[in-house]
């Protein structure tokens, strides 16, 4: 029990920050895989993305966010 007789909450006991930092660390690891394994591929992907129109980039971002939310829902 936390002071005042209340059970520690997700925000109060630091669990949220711990989980958030784990998530950010995993994002950094995943984002670093392609540049580490194949810098040339990373350059080509960035050049391709730079040539894409805004609508295509937004759709790709939207699809990634929706897939992420679905994955979070299924995992939890």
PDB file of N, CA and C in Angstrom:
ATOM      1  N   UNK A   1       0.826  -1.184   0.000  1.00  0.00           N
ATOM      2  CA  UNK A   1       0.000   0.000   0.000  1.00  0.00           C
ATOM      3  C   UNK A   1       0.869   1.246   0.000  1.00  0.00           C
ATOM      4  N   UNK A   2       0.431   2.216  -0.751  1.00  0.00           N
ATOM      5  CA  UNK A   2       1.118   3.500  -0.782  1.00  0.00           C
ATOM      6  C   UNK A   2       0.707   4.319   0.430  1.00  0.00           C
ATOM      7  N   UNK A   3       1.469   5.384   0.720  1.00  0.00           N
ATOM      8  CA  UNK A   3       1.064   6.245   1.841  1.00  0.00           C
ATOM      9  C   UNK A   3      -0.370   6.742   1.655  1.00  0.00           C
ATOM     10  N   UNK A   4      -1.115   6.818   2.725  1.00  0.00           N
ATOM     11  CA  UNK A   4      -2.505   7.253   2.652  1.00  0.00           C
ATOM     12  C   UNK A   4      -3.466   6.100   2.475  1.00  0.00           C
ATOM     13  N   UNK A   5      -2.968   4.860   2.452  1.00  0.00           N
ATOM     14  CA  UNK A   5      -3.827   3.697   2.357  1.00  0.00           C
ATOM     15  C   UNK A   5      -4.301   3.354   0.959  1.00  0.00           C
ATOM     16  N   UNK A   6      -3.808   4.072  -0.051  1.00  0.00           N
ATOM     17  CA  UNK A   6      -4.229   3.787  -1.427  1.00  0.00           C
ATOM     18  C   UNK A   6      -3.241   2.817  -2.068  1.00  0.00           C
ATOM     19  N   UNK A   7      -3.742   1.885  -2.868  1.00  0.00           N
ATOM     20  CA  UNK A   7      -2.811   0.997  -3.560  1.00  0.00           C
ATOM     21  C   UNK A   7      -2.039   1.782  -4.617  1.00  0.00           C
ATOM     22  N   UNK A   8      -0.767   1.407  -4.850  1.00  0.00           N
ATOM     23  CA  UNK A   8       0.006   2.140  -5.853  1.00  0.00           C
ATOM     24  C   UNK A   8      -0.639   1.979  -7.226  1.00  0.00           C
ATOM     25  N   UNK A   9      -0.697   3.058  -7.957  1.00  0.00           N
ATOM     26  CA  UNK A   9      -1.305   3.026  -9.278  1.00  0.00           C
ATOM     27  C   UNK A   9      -0.271   2.857 -10.363  1.00  0.00           C
ATOM     28  N   UNK A  10      -0.752   2.694 -11.552  1.00  0.00           N
ATOM     29  CA  UNK A  10       0.109   2.516 -12.716  1.00  0.00           C
ATOM     30  C   UNK A  10       1.042   3.709 -12.868  1.00  0.00           C
ATOM     31  N   UNK A  11       0.526   4.923 -12.636  1.00  0.00           N
ATOM     32  CA  UNK A  11       1.317   6.131 -12.808  1.00  0.00           C
ATOM     33  C   UNK A  11       2.211   6.397 -11.601  1.00  0.00           C
ATOM     34  N   UNK A  12       1.734   6.061 -10.422  1.00  0.00           N
ATOM     35  CA  UNK A  12       2.431   6.451  -9.204  1.00  0.00           C
ATOM     36  C   UNK A  12       3.637   5.595  -8.879  1.00  0.00           C
ATOM     37  N   UNK A  13       3.596   4.324  -9.176  1.00  0.00           N
ATOM     38  CA  UNK A  13       4.697   3.461  -8.764  1.00  0.00           C
ATOM     39  C   UNK A  13       5.807   3.361  -9.810  1.00  0.00           C
ATOM     40  N   UNK A  14       5.717   4.123 -10.869  1.00  0.00           N
ATOM     41  CA  UNK A  14       6.762   4.124 -11.873  1.00  0.00           C
ATOM     42  C   UNK A  14       6.620   3.048 -12.926  1.00  0.00           C
ATOM     43  N   UNK A  15       5.610   2.203 -12.813  1.00  0.00           N
ATOM     44  CA  UNK A  15       5.437   1.119 -13.782  1.00  0.00           C
ATOM     45  C   UNK A  15       5.206   1.670 -15.188  1.00  0.00           C
ATOM     46  N   UNK A  16       4.423   2.742 -15.300  1.00  0.00           N
ATOM     47  CA  UNK A  16       4.156   3.318 -16.615  1.00  0.00           C
ATOM     48  C   UNK A  16       5.454   3.768 -17.276  1.00  0.00           C
ATOM     49  N   UNK A  17       6.304   4.458 -16.513  1.00  0.00           N
ATOM     50  CA  UNK A  17       7.549   4.960 -17.088  1.00  0.00           C
ATOM     51  C   UNK A  17       8.472   3.818 -17.464  1.00  0.00           C
ATOM     52  N   UNK A  18       8.475   2.776 -16.664  1.00  0.00           N
ATOM     53  CA  UNK A  18       9.288   1.601 -16.973  1.00  0.00           C
ATOM     54  C   UNK A  18       8.824   0.961 -18.285  1.00  0.00           C
ATOM     55  N   UNK A  19       7.525   0.774 -18.417  1.00  0.00           N
ATOM     56  CA  UNK A  19       6.969   0.178 -19.643  1.00  0.00           C
ATOM     57  C   UNK A  19       7.222   1.075 -20.856  1.00  0.00           C
ATOM     58  N   UNK A  20       7.074   2.381 -20.689  1.00  0.00           N
ATOM     59  CA  UNK A  20       7.308   3.313 -21.781  1.00  0.00           C
ATOM     60  C   UNK A  20       8.762   3.273 -22.235  1.00  0.00           C
ATOM     61  N   UNK A  21       9.677   3.236 -21.289  1.00  0.00           N
ATOM     62  CA  UNK A  21      11.095   3.167 -21.652  1.00  0.00           C
ATOM     63  C   UNK A  21      11.439   1.855 -22.335  1.00  0.00           C
ATOM     64  N   UNK A  22      10.818   0.762 -21.920  1.00  0.00           N
ATOM     65  CA  UNK A  22      11.028  -0.523 -22.602  1.00  0.00           C
ATOM     66  C   UNK A  22      10.540  -0.420 -24.046  1.00  0.00           C
ATOM     67  N   UNK A  23       9.364   0.160 -24.237  1.00  0.00           N
ATOM     68  CA  UNK A  23       8.818   0.309 -25.584  1.00  0.00           C
ATOM     69  C   UNK A  23       9.722   1.171 -26.451  1.00  0.00           C
ATOM     70  N   UNK A  24      10.208   2.284 -25.910  1.00  0.00           N
ATOM     71  CA  UNK A  24      11.088   3.156 -26.684  1.00  0.00           C
ATOM     72  C   UNK A  24      12.405   2.462 -27.019  1.00  0.00           C
ATOM     73  N   UNK A  25      12.930   1.692 -26.079  1.00  0.00           N
ATOM     74  CA  UNK A  25      14.163   0.952 -26.340  1.00  0.00           C
ATOM     75  C   UNK A  25      13.965  -0.067 -27.459  1.00  0.00           C
ATOM     76  N   UNK A  26      12.831  -0.761 -27.447  1.00  0.00           N
ATOM     77  CA  UNK A  26      12.549  -1.728 -28.514  1.00  0.00           C
ATOM     78  C   UNK A  26      12.413  -1.036 -29.865  1.00  0.00           C
ATOM     79  N   UNK A  27      11.782   0.135 -29.891  1.00  0.00           N
ATOM     80  CA  UNK A  27      11.664   0.894 -31.139  1.00  0.00           C
ATOM     81  C   UNK A  27      13.051   1.243 -31.664  1.00  0.00           C
ATOM     82  N   UNK A  28      13.937   1.701 -30.790  1.00  0.00           N
ATOM     83  CA  UNK A  28      15.294   2.057 -31.230  1.00  0.00           C
ATOM     84  C   UNK A  28      16.049   0.842 -31.766  1.00  0.00           C
ATOM     85  N   UNK A  29      15.898  -0.309 -31.100  1.00  0.00           N
ATOM     86  CA  UNK A  29      16.559  -1.522 -31.580  1.00  0.00           C
ATOM     87  C   UNK A  29      16.029  -1.904 -32.957  1.00  0.00           C
ATOM     88  N   UNK A  30      14.708  -1.922 -33.112  1.00  0.00           N
ATOM     89  CA  UNK A  30      14.103  -2.309 -34.388  1.00  0.00           C
ATOM     90  C   UNK A  30      14.477  -1.318 -35.482  1.00  0.00           C
ATOM     91  N   UNK A  31      14.431  -0.011 -35.172  1.00  0.00           N
ATOM     92  CA  UNK A  31      14.776   1.008 -36.163  1.00  0.00           C
ATOM     93  C   UNK A  31      16.243   0.922 -36.576  1.00  0.00           C
ATOM     94  N   UNK A  32      17.105   0.423 -35.703  1.00  0.00           N
ATOM     95  CA  UNK A  32      18.519   0.353 -36.018  1.00  0.00           C
ATOM     96  C   UNK A  32      18.954  -0.879 -36.786  1.00  0.00           C
ATOM     97  N   UNK A  33      18.068  -1.857 -36.942  1.00  0.00           N
ATOM     98  CA  UNK A  33      18.454  -3.108 -37.596  1.00  0.00           C
ATOM     99  C   UNK A  33      18.846  -2.886 -39.054  1.00  0.00           C
ATOM    100  N   UNK A  34      18.009  -2.227 -39.839  1.00  0.00           N
ATOM    101  CA  UNK A  34      18.291  -2.065 -41.277  1.00  0.00           C
ATOM    102  C   UNK A  34      19.543  -1.223 -41.521  1.00  0.00           C
ATOM    103  N   UNK A  35      19.702  -0.042 -40.869  1.00  0.00           N
ATOM    104  CA  UNK A  35      20.938   0.704 -41.125  1.00  0.00           C
ATOM    105  C   UNK A  35      22.193  -0.057 -40.702  1.00  0.00           C
ATOM    106  N   UNK A  36      22.101  -0.865 -39.661  1.00  0.00           N
ATOM    107  CA  UNK A  36      23.265  -1.633 -39.220  1.00  0.00           C
ATOM    108  C   UNK A  36      23.599  -2.751 -40.211  1.00  0.00           C
ATOM    109  N   UNK A  37      22.575  -3.494 -40.632  1.00  0.00           N
ATOM    110  CA  UNK A  37      22.809  -4.638 -41.511  1.00  0.00           C
ATOM    111  C   UNK A  37      23.083  -4.228 -42.949  1.00  0.00           C
ATOM    112  N   UNK A  38      22.416  -3.177 -43.424  1.00  0.00           N
ATOM    113  CA  UNK A  38      22.568  -2.786 -44.827  1.00  0.00           C
ATOM    114  C   UNK A  38      22.397  -1.274 -44.991  1.00  0.00           C
ATOM    115  N   UNK A  39      23.469  -0.524 -44.770  1.00  0.00           N
ATOM    116  CA  UNK A  39      23.374   0.924 -44.935  1.00  0.00           C
ATOM    117  C   UNK A  39      22.939   1.335 -46.345  1.00  0.00           C
ATOM    118  N   UNK A  40      23.365   0.578 -47.331  1.00  0.00           N
ATOM    119  CA  UNK A  40      22.997   0.895 -48.724  1.00  0.00           C
ATOM    120  C   UNK A  40      21.483   0.783 -48.922  1.00  0.00           C
ATOM    121  N   UNK A  41      20.882  -0.268 -48.366  1.00  0.00           N
ATOM    122  CA  UNK A  41      19.432  -0.438 -48.459  1.00  0.00           C
ATOM    123  C   UNK A  41      18.720   0.715 -47.756  1.00  0.00           C
ATOM    124  N   UNK A  42      19.244   1.131 -46.617  1.00  0.00           N
ATOM    125  CA  UNK A  42      18.638   2.239 -45.883  1.00  0.00           C
ATOM    126  C   UNK A  42      18.656   3.513 -46.718  1.00  0.00           C
ATOM    127  N   UNK A  43      19.783   3.794 -47.377  1.00  0.00           N
ATOM    128  CA  UNK A  43      19.859   4.975 -48.243  1.00  0.00           C
ATOM    129  C   UNK A  43      18.838   4.899 -49.374  1.00  0.00           C
ATOM    130  N   UNK A  44      18.727   3.721 -49.987  1.00  0.00           N
ATOM    131  CA  UNK A  44      17.747   3.565 -51.082  1.00  0.00           C
ATOM    132  C   UNK A  44      16.327   3.770 -50.583  1.00  0.00           C
ATOM    133  N   UNK A  45      16.024   3.226 -49.398  1.00  0.00           N
ATOM    134  CA  UNK A  45      14.675   3.388 -48.843  1.00  0.00           C
ATOM    135  C   UNK A  45      14.382   4.863 -48.559  1.00  0.00           C
ATOM    136  N   UNK A  46      15.356   5.586 -48.019  1.00  0.00           N
ATOM    137  CA  UNK A  46      15.162   7.006 -47.735  1.00  0.00           C
ATOM    138  C   UNK A  46      14.985   7.813 -49.017  1.00  0.00           C
ATOM    139  N   UNK A  47      15.754   7.479 -50.052  1.00  0.00           N
ATOM    140  CA  UNK A  47      15.594   8.175 -51.332  1.00  0.00           C
ATOM    141  C   UNK A  47      14.222   7.905 -51.936  1.00  0.00           C
ATOM    142  N   UNK A  48      13.781   6.661 -51.836  1.00  0.00           N
ATOM    143  CA  UNK A  48      12.452   6.308 -52.344  1.00  0.00           C
ATOM    144  C   UNK A  48      11.371   7.062 -51.577  1.00  0.00           C
ATOM    145  N   UNK A  49      11.508   7.118 -50.265  1.00  0.00           N
ATOM    146  CA  UNK A  49      10.520   7.834 -49.447  1.00  0.00           C
ATOM    147  C   UNK A  49      10.528   9.328 -49.769  1.00  0.00           C
ATOM    148  N   UNK A  50      11.708   9.890 -50.037  1.00  0.00           N
ATOM    149  CA  UNK A  50      11.804  11.316 -50.357  1.00  0.00           C
ATOM    150  C   UNK A  50      11.088  11.643 -51.667  1.00  0.00           C
ATOM    151  N   UNK A  51      11.012  10.674 -52.566  1.00  0.00           N
ATOM    152  CA  UNK A  51      10.356  10.889 -53.855  1.00  0.00           C
ATOM    153  C   UNK A  51       8.853  10.643 -53.811  1.00  0.00           C
ATOM    154  N   UNK A  52       8.351  10.052 -52.725  1.00  0.00           N
ATOM    155  CA  UNK A  52       6.924   9.755 -52.617  1.00  0.00           C
ATOM    156  C   UNK A  52       6.136  11.027 -52.320  1.00  0.00           C
ATOM    157  N   UNK A  53       4.901  11.053 -52.789  1.00  0.00           N
ATOM    158  CA  UNK A  53       4.047  12.201 -52.492  1.00  0.00           C
ATOM    159  C   UNK A  53       3.533  12.107 -51.051  1.00  0.00           C
ATOM    160  N   UNK A  54       3.052  13.247 -50.532  1.00  0.00           N
ATOM    161  CA  UNK A  54       2.600  13.316 -49.139  1.00  0.00           C
ATOM    162  C   UNK A  54       1.483  12.322 -48.845  1.00  0.00           C
ATOM    163  N   UNK A  55       0.574  12.161 -49.786  1.00  0.00           N
ATOM    164  CA  UNK A  55      -0.564  11.259 -49.555  1.00  0.00           C
ATOM    165  C   UNK A  55      -0.101   9.819 -49.344  1.00  0.00           C
ATOM    166  N   UNK A  56       0.858   9.374 -50.133  1.00  0.00           N
ATOM    167  CA  UNK A  56       1.367   8.002 -49.993  1.00  0.00           C
ATOM    168  C   UNK A  56       2.075   7.813 -48.654  1.00  0.00           C
ATOM    169  N   UNK A  57       2.875   8.807 -48.258  1.00  0.00           N
ATOM    170  CA  UNK A  57       3.561   8.711 -46.966  1.00  0.00           C
ATOM    171  C   UNK A  57       2.555   8.687 -45.816  1.00  0.00           C
ATOM    172  N   UNK A  58       1.517   9.528 -45.918  1.00  0.00           N
ATOM    173  CA  UNK A  58       0.495   9.544 -44.861  1.00  0.00           C
ATOM    174  C   UNK A  58      -0.237   8.214 -44.782  1.00  0.00           C
ATOM    175  N   UNK A  59      -0.557   7.641 -45.933  1.00  0.00           N
ATOM    176  CA  UNK A  59      -1.245   6.345 -45.933  1.00  0.00           C
ATOM    177  C   UNK A  59      -0.361   5.265 -45.314  1.00  0.00           C
ATOM    178  N   UNK A  60       0.925   5.277 -45.636  1.00  0.00           N
ATOM    179  CA  UNK A  60       1.847   4.319 -45.029  1.00  0.00           C
ATOM    180  C   UNK A  60       1.917   4.486 -43.527  1.00  0.00           C
ATOM    181  N   UNK A  61       1.963   5.752 -43.065  1.00  0.00           N
ATOM    182  CA  UNK A  61       1.965   6.022 -41.628  1.00  0.00           C
ATOM    183  C   UNK A  61       0.681   5.573 -40.963  1.00  0.00           C
ATOM    184  N   UNK A  62      -0.443   5.832 -41.618  1.00  0.00           N
ATOM    185  CA  UNK A  62      -1.745   5.420 -41.068  1.00  0.00           C
ATOM    186  C   UNK A  62      -1.833   3.905 -40.955  1.00  0.00           C
ATOM    187  N   UNK A  63      -1.398   3.217 -41.991  1.00  0.00           N
ATOM    188  CA  UNK A  63      -1.434   1.748 -41.973  1.00  0.00           C
ATOM    189  C   UNK A  63      -0.547   1.214 -40.841  1.00  0.00           C
ATOM    190  N   UNK A  64       0.641   1.805 -40.672  1.00  0.00           N
ATOM    191  CA  UNK A  64       1.537   1.359 -39.601  1.00  0.00           C
ATOM    192  C   UNK A  64       0.907   1.593 -38.228  1.00  0.00           C
ATOM    193  N   UNK A  65       0.263   2.761 -38.049  1.00  0.00           N
ATOM    194  CA  UNK A  65      -0.378   3.043 -36.754  1.00  0.00           C
ATOM    195  C   UNK A  65      -1.529   2.090 -36.482  1.00  0.00           C
ATOM    196  N   UNK A  66      -2.357   1.822 -37.491  1.00  0.00           N
ATOM    197  CA  UNK A  66      -3.500   0.919 -37.306  1.00  0.00           C
ATOM    198  C   UNK A  66      -3.011  -0.491 -36.986  1.00  0.00           C
ATOM    199  N   UNK A  67      -1.994  -0.954 -37.703  1.00  0.00           N
ATOM    200  CA  UNK A  67      -1.445  -2.281 -37.407  1.00  0.00           C
ATOM    201  C   UNK A  67      -0.857  -2.330 -35.997  1.00  0.00           C
ATOM    202  N   UNK A  68      -0.225  -1.248 -35.567  1.00  0.00           N
ATOM    203  CA  UNK A  68       0.306  -1.181 -34.208  1.00  0.00           C
ATOM    204  C   UNK A  68      -0.778  -1.253 -33.155  1.00  0.00           C
ATOM    205  N   UNK A  69      -1.865  -0.519 -33.369  1.00  0.00           N
ATOM    206  CA  UNK A  69      -2.977  -0.535 -32.418  1.00  0.00           C
ATOM    207  C   UNK A  69      -3.625  -1.930 -32.374  1.00  0.00           C
ATOM    208  N   UNK A  70      -3.799  -2.535 -33.530  1.00  0.00           N
ATOM    209  CA  UNK A  70      -4.362  -3.890 -33.578  1.00  0.00           C
ATOM    210  C   UNK A  70      -3.464  -4.875 -32.837  1.00  0.00           C
ATOM    211  N   UNK A  71      -2.160  -4.760 -33.066  1.00  0.00           N
ATOM    212  CA  UNK A  71      -1.215  -5.649 -32.382  1.00  0.00           C
ATOM    213  C   UNK A  71      -1.283  -5.454 -30.878  1.00  0.00           C
ATOM    214  N   UNK A  72      -1.305  -4.189 -30.426  1.00  0.00           N
ATOM    215  CA  UNK A  72      -1.426  -3.925 -28.988  1.00  0.00           C
ATOM    216  C   UNK A  72      -2.698  -4.519 -28.420  1.00  0.00           C
ATOM    217  N   UNK A  73      -3.794  -4.382 -29.142  1.00  0.00           N
ATOM    218  CA  UNK A  73      -5.074  -4.939 -28.688  1.00  0.00           C
ATOM    219  C   UNK A  73      -4.992  -6.453 -28.560  1.00  0.00           C
ATOM    220  N   UNK A  74      -4.422  -7.107 -29.562  1.00  0.00           N
ATOM    221  CA  UNK A  74      -4.336  -8.569 -29.540  1.00  0.00           C
ATOM    222  C   UNK A  74      -3.389  -9.068 -28.446  1.00  0.00           C
ATOM    223  N   UNK A  75      -2.308  -8.346 -28.215  1.00  0.00           N
ATOM    224  CA  UNK A  75      -1.331  -8.758 -27.201  1.00  0.00           C
ATOM    225  C   UNK A  75      -1.897  -8.576 -25.796  1.00  0.00           C
ATOM    226  N   UNK A  76      -2.642  -7.495 -25.614  1.00  0.00           N
ATOM    227  CA  UNK A  76      -3.204  -7.232 -24.286  1.00  0.00           C
ATOM    228  C   UNK A  76      -4.569  -7.830 -24.193  1.00  0.00           C
TER     229      UNK A  76
END
